[in-house]
Amino acid sequence: MPVFINRVIIAGNLTKDPERRYTPTGLPVTTFRLAVNRRFKDRDETCFIDIVTFGKLADTCYEMLSRGSNVLVEGYLRYETWETDVGKRARHVVVANRVNFISLTKERLEEVTKPEFTDIEIEEDEDEFPF
């Protein structure tokens, strides 16, 4: 019996901000497009890849990523077909199982790592401290 492997690992930059929608059951779905560059001696080639994420990963990608973000995506390749007014259309998309955020903008990183402080009143009792 033949063995088939459908695994994709790809790194690139987002071409625009991610888009989020929800399935009828309420599952979040976030999509974004990666620009992947390949350099040759005399020219550059850019390939645009559509990425789809589901569930908690979809929410995280929607909140953390923005246009220009550099990411590494691991997932599998899926072939989609649909009908339009002009006929049948098709494309390949990568369904992501894992997204690694390679670089975040300085503002986004500060927003994510900024601790939230609340006003807590601390009572100090000198008898409780052993020193």
N, C-alpha and C. Protein backbone atom coordinates (compact mmCIF):
# COMPACT_ATOMS: atom_id res chain seq x y z
N MET A 1 0.85 -1.18 0.00
CA MET A 1 0.00 0.00 0.00
C MET A 1 0.89 1.24 0.00
N PRO A 2 0.63 2.19 -0.90
CA PRO A 2 1.47 3.40 -0.96
C PRO A 2 1.23 4.31 0.24
N VAL A 3 2.25 5.05 0.60
CA VAL A 3 2.18 6.02 1.69
C VAL A 3 2.11 7.41 1.07
N PHE A 4 1.13 8.19 1.51
CA PHE A 4 0.97 9.54 1.02
C PHE A 4 1.24 10.52 2.15
N ILE A 5 2.03 11.53 1.87
CA ILE A 5 2.36 12.54 2.86
C ILE A 5 1.87 13.88 2.35
N ASN A 6 1.11 14.57 3.17
CA ASN A 6 0.62 15.90 2.83
C ASN A 6 1.01 16.82 3.97
N ARG A 7 2.20 17.35 3.92
CA ARG A 7 2.74 18.22 4.96
C ARG A 7 3.40 19.42 4.32
N VAL A 8 3.09 20.62 4.83
CA VAL A 8 3.63 21.86 4.28
C VAL A 8 4.27 22.65 5.41
N ILE A 9 5.47 23.14 5.18
CA ILE A 9 6.14 24.08 6.08
C ILE A 9 6.59 25.24 5.21
N ILE A 10 6.11 26.43 5.55
CA ILE A 10 6.36 27.58 4.70
C ILE A 10 6.52 28.83 5.56
N ALA A 11 7.40 29.72 5.15
CA ALA A 11 7.61 30.99 5.87
C ALA A 11 7.43 32.14 4.90
N GLY A 12 6.82 33.21 5.40
CA GLY A 12 6.61 34.38 4.55
C GLY A 12 6.05 35.53 5.35
N ASN A 13 5.66 36.58 4.63
CA ASN A 13 5.10 37.79 5.24
C ASN A 13 3.64 37.95 4.84
N LEU A 14 2.81 38.40 5.79
CA LEU A 14 1.41 38.63 5.50
C LEU A 14 1.27 39.81 4.54
N THR A 15 0.41 39.64 3.53
CA THR A 15 0.21 40.71 2.55
C THR A 15 -0.82 41.74 3.02
N LYS A 16 -1.69 41.36 3.96
CA LYS A 16 -2.65 42.28 4.56
C LYS A 16 -3.08 41.72 5.90
N ASP A 17 -3.86 42.47 6.65
CA ASP A 17 -4.33 42.01 7.95
C ASP A 17 -5.20 40.76 7.80
N PRO A 18 -5.13 39.84 8.77
CA PRO A 18 -5.96 38.63 8.71
C PRO A 18 -7.45 38.97 8.76
N GLU A 19 -8.26 38.08 8.20
CA GLU A 19 -9.71 38.23 8.23
C GLU A 19 -10.30 37.08 9.03
N ARG A 20 -11.26 37.40 9.92
CA ARG A 20 -11.88 36.36 10.74
C ARG A 20 -13.37 36.31 10.44
N ARG A 21 -13.90 35.09 10.41
CA ARG A 21 -15.33 34.86 10.29
C ARG A 21 -15.66 33.67 11.17
N TYR A 22 -16.92 33.31 11.24
CA TYR A 22 -17.34 32.19 12.08
C TYR A 22 -18.20 31.23 11.27
N THR A 23 -18.04 29.94 11.54
CA THR A 23 -18.88 28.93 10.91
C THR A 23 -20.27 29.00 11.55
N PRO A 24 -21.28 28.36 10.95
CA PRO A 24 -22.61 28.36 11.57
C PRO A 24 -22.63 27.79 12.99
N THR A 25 -21.66 26.94 13.32
CA THR A 25 -21.59 26.38 14.67
C THR A 25 -20.81 27.27 15.64
N GLY A 26 -20.28 28.40 15.15
CA GLY A 26 -19.57 29.34 16.01
C GLY A 26 -18.06 29.15 16.05
N LEU A 27 -17.52 28.26 15.24
CA LEU A 27 -16.07 28.02 15.20
C LEU A 27 -15.39 29.17 14.46
N PRO A 28 -14.39 29.83 15.09
CA PRO A 28 -13.68 30.91 14.40
C PRO A 28 -12.78 30.37 13.28
N VAL A 29 -12.77 31.11 12.16
CA VAL A 29 -11.94 30.77 11.01
C VAL A 29 -11.22 32.04 10.60
N THR A 30 -9.90 32.02 10.62
CA THR A 30 -9.11 33.18 10.20
C THR A 30 -8.31 32.81 8.96
N THR A 31 -8.34 33.71 7.98
CA THR A 31 -7.58 33.50 6.75
C THR A 31 -6.61 34.65 6.57
N PHE A 32 -5.48 34.34 5.97
CA PHE A 32 -4.52 35.37 5.59
C PHE A 32 -3.69 34.84 4.43
N ARG A 33 -3.02 35.75 3.76
CA ARG A 33 -2.20 35.40 2.60
C ARG A 33 -0.75 35.71 2.88
N LEU A 34 0.11 34.76 2.55
CA LEU A 34 1.55 34.94 2.71
C LEU A 34 2.21 35.23 1.37
N ALA A 35 3.16 36.12 1.39
CA ALA A 35 4.04 36.35 0.24
C ALA A 35 5.35 35.64 0.56
N VAL A 36 5.71 34.69 -0.30
CA VAL A 36 6.92 33.91 -0.10
C VAL A 36 7.87 34.24 -1.25
N ASN A 37 9.04 34.76 -0.90
CA ASN A 37 10.01 35.17 -1.91
C ASN A 37 11.05 34.09 -2.16
N ARG A 38 11.44 33.98 -3.40
CA ARG A 38 12.50 33.06 -3.80
C ARG A 38 13.45 33.85 -4.69
N ARG A 39 14.70 33.84 -4.33
CA ARG A 39 15.68 34.63 -5.06
C ARG A 39 16.48 33.77 -6.03
N PHE A 40 16.64 34.29 -7.23
CA PHE A 40 17.51 33.71 -8.23
C PHE A 40 18.67 34.68 -8.45
N LYS A 41 19.65 34.27 -9.23
CA LYS A 41 20.80 35.15 -9.45
C LYS A 41 20.40 36.46 -10.10
N ASP A 42 19.48 36.42 -11.03
CA ASP A 42 19.14 37.63 -11.78
C ASP A 42 17.73 38.17 -11.52
N ARG A 43 16.92 37.47 -10.70
CA ARG A 43 15.56 37.95 -10.46
C ARG A 43 14.98 37.36 -9.17
N ASP A 44 13.89 37.97 -8.73
CA ASP A 44 13.14 37.47 -7.58
C ASP A 44 11.80 36.92 -8.05
N GLU A 45 11.32 35.91 -7.37
CA GLU A 45 10.02 35.34 -7.68
C GLU A 45 9.20 35.34 -6.38
N THR A 46 7.98 35.83 -6.45
CA THR A 46 7.11 35.85 -5.28
C THR A 46 5.91 34.96 -5.53
N CYS A 47 5.63 34.13 -4.54
CA CYS A 47 4.50 33.22 -4.59
C CYS A 47 3.53 33.62 -3.48
N PHE A 48 2.24 33.70 -3.77
CA PHE A 48 1.24 34.07 -2.79
C PHE A 48 0.46 32.83 -2.37
N ILE A 49 0.45 32.55 -1.07
CA ILE A 49 -0.17 31.34 -0.52
C ILE A 49 -1.27 31.74 0.45
N ASP A 50 -2.45 31.17 0.27
CA ASP A 50 -3.57 31.40 1.19
C ASP A 50 -3.48 30.41 2.35
N ILE A 51 -3.65 30.94 3.58
CA ILE A 51 -3.56 30.15 4.80
C ILE A 51 -4.91 30.21 5.51
N VAL A 52 -5.36 29.09 6.06
CA VAL A 52 -6.61 29.01 6.81
C VAL A 52 -6.32 28.42 8.18
N THR A 53 -6.86 29.05 9.24
CA THR A 53 -6.71 28.52 10.60
C THR A 53 -8.09 28.41 11.24
N PHE A 54 -8.21 27.48 12.19
CA PHE A 54 -9.48 27.23 12.85
C PHE A 54 -9.32 27.28 14.37
N GLY A 55 -10.43 27.55 15.07
CA GLY A 55 -10.47 27.46 16.52
C GLY A 55 -9.63 28.50 17.23
N LYS A 56 -8.98 28.04 18.31
CA LYS A 56 -8.17 28.94 19.13
C LYS A 56 -7.00 29.52 18.33
N LEU A 57 -6.40 28.72 17.45
CA LEU A 57 -5.32 29.23 16.60
C LEU A 57 -5.82 30.36 15.72
N ALA A 58 -7.05 30.26 15.23
CA ALA A 58 -7.63 31.32 14.40
C ALA A 58 -7.76 32.62 15.20
N ASP A 59 -8.24 32.51 16.43
CA ASP A 59 -8.36 33.70 17.28
C ASP A 59 -7.01 34.33 17.56
N THR A 60 -6.02 33.49 17.87
CA THR A 60 -4.67 34.00 18.17
C THR A 60 -4.07 34.69 16.95
N CYS A 61 -4.19 34.08 15.79
CA CYS A 61 -3.65 34.70 14.57
C CYS A 61 -4.33 36.02 14.27
N TYR A 62 -5.65 36.08 14.46
CA TYR A 62 -6.39 37.32 14.19
C TYR A 62 -5.94 38.44 15.14
N GLU A 63 -5.71 38.09 16.39
CA GLU A 63 -5.33 39.10 17.38
C GLU A 63 -3.87 39.52 17.28
N MET A 64 -2.98 38.60 16.92
CA MET A 64 -1.54 38.86 17.00
C MET A 64 -0.92 39.33 15.68
N LEU A 65 -1.47 38.93 14.55
CA LEU A 65 -0.82 39.20 13.28
C LEU A 65 -1.39 40.43 12.59
N SER A 66 -0.57 41.02 11.76
CA SER A 66 -1.01 42.15 10.95
C SER A 66 -0.18 42.16 9.67
N ARG A 67 -0.54 43.05 8.77
CA ARG A 67 0.17 43.14 7.49
C ARG A 67 1.67 43.29 7.74
N GLY A 68 2.47 42.48 7.03
CA GLY A 68 3.91 42.54 7.16
C GLY A 68 4.49 41.58 8.17
N SER A 69 3.66 40.99 9.03
CA SER A 69 4.16 40.03 10.03
C SER A 69 4.84 38.86 9.33
N ASN A 70 5.95 38.43 9.90
CA ASN A 70 6.70 37.31 9.36
C ASN A 70 6.34 36.07 10.18
N VAL A 71 5.87 35.01 9.50
CA VAL A 71 5.43 33.81 10.20
C VAL A 71 5.97 32.55 9.52
N LEU A 72 6.04 31.49 10.32
CA LEU A 72 6.35 30.15 9.82
C LEU A 72 5.08 29.33 10.04
N VAL A 73 4.56 28.74 8.98
CA VAL A 73 3.30 28.00 9.03
C VAL A 73 3.57 26.53 8.76
N GLU A 74 2.99 25.66 9.60
CA GLU A 74 3.02 24.22 9.37
C GLU A 74 1.59 23.75 9.23
N GLY A 75 1.34 22.90 8.24
CA GLY A 75 -0.01 22.40 8.03
C GLY A 75 -0.07 21.43 6.88
N TYR A 76 -1.23 21.36 6.24
CA TYR A 76 -1.39 20.46 5.10
C TYR A 76 -2.07 21.20 3.96
N LEU A 77 -1.89 20.68 2.77
CA LEU A 77 -2.41 21.29 1.56
C LEU A 77 -3.82 20.76 1.28
N ARG A 78 -4.75 21.68 0.98
CA ARG A 78 -6.12 21.29 0.66
C ARG A 78 -6.52 21.93 -0.66
N TYR A 79 -7.19 21.17 -1.51
CA TYR A 79 -7.66 21.64 -2.81
C TYR A 79 -9.13 22.01 -2.68
N GLU A 80 -9.48 23.25 -3.02
CA GLU A 80 -10.85 23.74 -2.92
C GLU A 80 -11.39 24.05 -4.31
N THR A 81 -12.66 23.72 -4.54
CA THR A 81 -13.33 24.07 -5.79
C THR A 81 -14.67 24.71 -5.46
N TRP A 82 -15.13 25.61 -6.34
CA TRP A 82 -16.43 26.26 -6.18
C TRP A 82 -16.90 26.78 -7.53
N GLU A 83 -18.20 27.04 -7.62
CA GLU A 83 -18.82 27.54 -8.84
C GLU A 83 -19.02 29.04 -8.74
N THR A 84 -18.79 29.75 -9.84
CA THR A 84 -19.07 31.18 -9.93
C THR A 84 -19.91 31.44 -11.18
N ASP A 85 -20.19 32.71 -11.43
CA ASP A 85 -20.96 33.08 -12.63
C ASP A 85 -20.21 32.73 -13.91
N VAL A 86 -18.90 32.80 -13.85
CA VAL A 86 -18.08 32.54 -15.05
C VAL A 86 -17.63 31.09 -15.17
N GLY A 87 -17.96 30.26 -14.21
CA GLY A 87 -17.60 28.85 -14.30
C GLY A 87 -16.97 28.32 -13.02
N LYS A 88 -16.35 27.18 -13.15
CA LYS A 88 -15.76 26.51 -12.01
C LYS A 88 -14.40 27.13 -11.67
N ARG A 89 -14.15 27.32 -10.38
CA ARG A 89 -12.88 27.87 -9.90
C ARG A 89 -12.25 26.88 -8.95
N ALA A 90 -10.92 26.98 -8.79
CA ALA A 90 -10.20 26.07 -7.89
C ALA A 90 -8.94 26.75 -7.38
N ARG A 91 -8.47 26.28 -6.22
CA ARG A 91 -7.22 26.78 -5.66
C ARG A 91 -6.73 25.81 -4.59
N HIS A 92 -5.46 25.92 -4.28
CA HIS A 92 -4.88 25.20 -3.16
C HIS A 92 -4.73 26.17 -2.00
N VAL A 93 -5.01 25.70 -0.78
CA VAL A 93 -4.79 26.49 0.43
C VAL A 93 -4.04 25.62 1.43
N VAL A 94 -3.34 26.26 2.34
CA VAL A 94 -2.67 25.54 3.43
C VAL A 94 -3.55 25.69 4.66
N VAL A 95 -3.96 24.56 5.23
CA VAL A 95 -4.70 24.54 6.48
C VAL A 95 -3.65 24.41 7.58
N ALA A 96 -3.50 25.44 8.39
CA ALA A 96 -2.43 25.50 9.38
C ALA A 96 -2.77 24.75 10.65
N ASN A 97 -1.82 23.95 11.12
CA ASN A 97 -1.92 23.31 12.44
C ASN A 97 -1.10 24.09 13.46
N ARG A 98 -0.09 24.83 12.97
CA ARG A 98 0.80 25.59 13.84
C ARG A 98 1.26 26.84 13.09
N VAL A 99 1.29 27.96 13.81
CA VAL A 99 1.80 29.21 13.25
C VAL A 99 2.79 29.78 14.25
N ASN A 100 4.04 29.94 13.84
CA ASN A 100 5.07 30.54 14.69
C ASN A 100 5.24 32.00 14.27
N PHE A 101 5.15 32.90 15.24
CA PHE A 101 5.31 34.32 14.96
C PHE A 101 6.80 34.64 14.99
N ILE A 102 7.39 34.80 13.84
CA ILE A 102 8.82 35.05 13.75
C ILE A 102 9.15 36.47 14.16
N SER A 103 8.37 37.41 13.70
CA SER A 103 8.60 38.80 14.09
C SER A 103 7.27 39.49 14.27
N LEU A 104 7.21 40.30 15.29
CA LEU A 104 6.05 41.15 15.53
C LEU A 104 6.53 42.59 15.51
N THR A 105 5.65 43.50 15.12
CA THR A 105 6.03 44.90 15.15
C THR A 105 6.26 45.31 16.60
N LYS A 106 7.04 46.34 16.82
CA LYS A 106 7.36 46.79 18.17
C LYS A 106 6.08 47.13 18.94
N GLU A 107 5.14 47.82 18.29
CA GLU A 107 3.90 48.21 18.95
C GLU A 107 3.10 46.98 19.36
N ARG A 108 3.02 45.97 18.46
CA ARG A 108 2.25 44.76 18.74
C ARG A 108 2.91 43.96 19.86
N LEU A 109 4.24 43.91 19.87
CA LEU A 109 4.95 43.18 20.91
C LEU A 109 4.73 43.83 22.28
N GLU A 110 4.77 45.17 22.33
CA GLU A 110 4.52 45.86 23.58
C GLU A 110 3.08 45.64 24.05
N GLU A 111 2.15 45.62 23.11
CA GLU A 111 0.75 45.39 23.45
C GLU A 111 0.54 44.00 24.04
N VAL A 112 1.23 43.02 23.48
CA VAL A 112 1.07 41.64 23.92
C VAL A 112 1.76 41.39 25.25
N THR A 113 2.95 41.97 25.44
CA THR A 113 3.73 41.69 26.64
C THR A 113 3.50 42.68 27.77
N LYS A 114 2.72 43.71 27.53
CA LYS A 114 2.46 44.73 28.54
C LYS A 114 1.64 44.13 29.68
N PRO A 115 2.16 44.13 30.90
CA PRO A 115 1.39 43.55 32.00
C PRO A 115 0.25 44.48 32.40
N GLU A 116 -0.81 43.88 32.85
CA GLU A 116 -1.94 44.67 33.33
C GLU A 116 -1.87 44.70 34.85
N PHE A 117 -1.87 45.90 35.42
CA PHE A 117 -1.81 46.06 36.86
C PHE A 117 -3.17 46.48 37.38
N THR A 118 -3.52 45.95 38.50
CA THR A 118 -4.74 46.38 39.17
C THR A 118 -4.35 46.92 40.53
N ASP A 119 -5.17 47.78 41.05
CA ASP A 119 -4.90 48.34 42.37
C ASP A 119 -5.25 47.30 43.43
N ILE A 120 -4.23 46.80 44.08
CA ILE A 120 -4.42 45.83 45.16
C ILE A 120 -3.84 46.43 46.42
N GLU A 121 -4.63 46.43 47.44
CA GLU A 121 -4.16 46.96 48.70
C GLU A 121 -3.44 45.84 49.45
N ILE A 122 -2.21 46.07 49.81
CA ILE A 122 -1.41 45.07 50.51
C ILE A 122 -1.26 45.50 51.95
N GLU A 123 -1.65 44.62 52.83
CA GLU A 123 -1.52 44.89 54.25
C GLU A 123 -0.19 44.31 54.72
N GLU A 124 0.60 45.12 55.34
CA GLU A 124 1.89 44.65 55.84
C GLU A 124 1.78 44.41 57.33
N ASP A 125 2.13 43.21 57.71
CA ASP A 125 2.14 42.85 59.12
C ASP A 125 3.55 42.41 59.45
N GLU A 126 4.26 43.19 60.26
CA GLU A 126 5.66 42.90 60.53
C GLU A 126 5.86 41.58 61.24
N ASP A 127 4.87 41.10 61.97
CA ASP A 127 5.01 39.84 62.68
C ASP A 127 5.04 38.62 61.76
N GLU A 128 4.53 38.74 60.54
CA GLU A 128 4.47 37.60 59.63
C GLU A 128 5.80 37.36 58.90
N PHE A 129 6.66 38.36 58.85
CA PHE A 129 7.91 38.19 58.12
C PHE A 129 8.99 37.68 59.08
N PRO A 130 9.73 36.62 58.68
CA PRO A 130 10.73 36.03 59.59
C PRO A 130 12.03 36.83 59.67
N PHE A 131 12.18 37.88 58.93
CA PHE A 131 13.44 38.62 58.96
C PHE A 131 13.28 40.02 59.46
